[in-house]
Amino acid sequence: MDLQTRLKDARLKRGLTQEQVAAILDVTGATVSRWESGSLPLPAYDQLVSWGEAVGLRLQMVVSEPNDPVELL
């Protein structure tokens, strides 16, 4: 599972919209959509950490091996 899919799956499990995550990261919902689809490179490290925290993923989970299961905090 790639990083974009991990973040999207965790967002959906938390019941968050792309717009809610975007508000936390101070970007647009379209930007989150493009990150999740892979049409835009992933954000800078600090935003990536904030995104992970917003959807309940520890940094270790965000950057762990692609086939590791995703567990929410």
Protein backbone atom coordinates (compact mmCIF):
# COMPACT_ATOMS: atom_id res chain seq x y z
CA MET A 1 0.00 0.00 0.00
CA ASP A 2 1.53 3.33 -1.00
CA LEU A 3 1.67 6.34 1.27
CA GLN A 4 -1.15 8.18 -0.48
CA THR A 5 -3.44 5.17 -0.01
CA ARG A 6 -2.44 4.82 3.65
CA LEU A 7 -3.31 8.44 4.35
CA LYS A 8 -6.57 8.28 2.44
CA ASP A 9 -7.66 5.03 4.13
CA ALA A 10 -6.86 6.45 7.56
CA ARG A 11 -8.76 9.66 6.72
CA LEU A 12 -11.81 7.66 5.69
CA LYS A 13 -11.62 5.46 8.80
CA ARG A 14 -11.62 8.62 10.92
CA GLY A 15 -14.64 9.94 9.00
CA LEU A 16 -12.80 13.04 7.84
CA THR A 17 -13.39 14.77 4.52
CA GLN A 18 -10.62 16.04 2.31
CA GLU A 19 -11.80 19.55 3.18
CA GLN A 20 -11.39 18.90 6.91
CA VAL A 21 -7.84 17.61 6.41
CA ALA A 22 -7.16 20.57 4.13
CA ALA A 23 -8.24 23.00 6.84
CA ILE A 24 -5.83 21.39 9.30
CA LEU A 25 -2.99 21.63 6.77
CA ASP A 26 -3.95 25.11 5.55
CA VAL A 27 -4.36 23.99 1.94
CA THR A 28 -7.36 23.47 -0.34
CA GLY A 29 -9.46 20.34 -0.57
CA ALA A 30 -8.31 20.04 -4.17
CA THR A 31 -4.71 19.86 -2.98
CA VAL A 32 -5.51 17.00 -0.60
CA SER A 33 -7.37 15.25 -3.41
CA ARG A 34 -4.38 15.60 -5.71
CA TRP A 35 -2.00 14.34 -2.99
CA GLU A 36 -4.20 11.31 -2.38
CA SER A 37 -4.50 10.53 -6.08
CA GLY A 38 -0.78 10.89 -6.65
CA SER A 39 -1.21 13.65 -9.23
CA LEU A 40 0.72 16.04 -6.98
CA PRO A 41 3.90 15.17 -5.07
CA LEU A 42 3.35 14.63 -1.37
CA PRO A 43 3.68 17.66 0.91
CA ALA A 44 6.67 18.82 2.87
CA TYR A 45 7.70 16.83 5.93
CA ASP A 46 5.95 19.06 8.48
CA GLN A 47 2.65 18.92 6.60
CA LEU A 48 3.01 15.17 6.18
CA VAL A 49 3.47 14.77 9.94
CA SER A 50 0.44 17.00 10.61
CA TRP A 51 -1.63 15.03 8.11
CA GLY A 52 -0.66 11.77 9.77
CA GLU A 53 -1.57 13.13 13.19
CA ALA A 54 -4.90 14.45 11.88
CA VAL A 55 -5.91 11.01 10.64
CA GLY A 56 -4.49 9.13 13.61
CA LEU A 57 -1.26 7.79 12.18
CA ARG A 58 2.04 8.06 13.99
CA LEU A 59 4.95 9.18 11.86
CA GLN A 60 6.36 5.66 12.02
CA MET A 61 3.13 4.36 10.48
CA VAL A 62 3.19 7.02 7.80
CA VAL A 63 6.68 6.09 6.65
CA SER A 64 6.65 2.35 7.38
CA GLU A 65 6.88 -0.37 4.78
CA PRO A 66 4.11 -0.31 2.16
CA ASN A 67 2.75 -3.76 3.02
CA ASP A 68 2.50 -3.19 6.77
CA PRO A 69 -1.10 -2.95 7.99
CA VAL A 70 -2.39 0.49 8.92
CA GLU A 71 -3.56 0.79 12.52
CA LEU A 72 -5.08 3.97 13.84
CA LEU A 73 -4.07 5.50 17.17
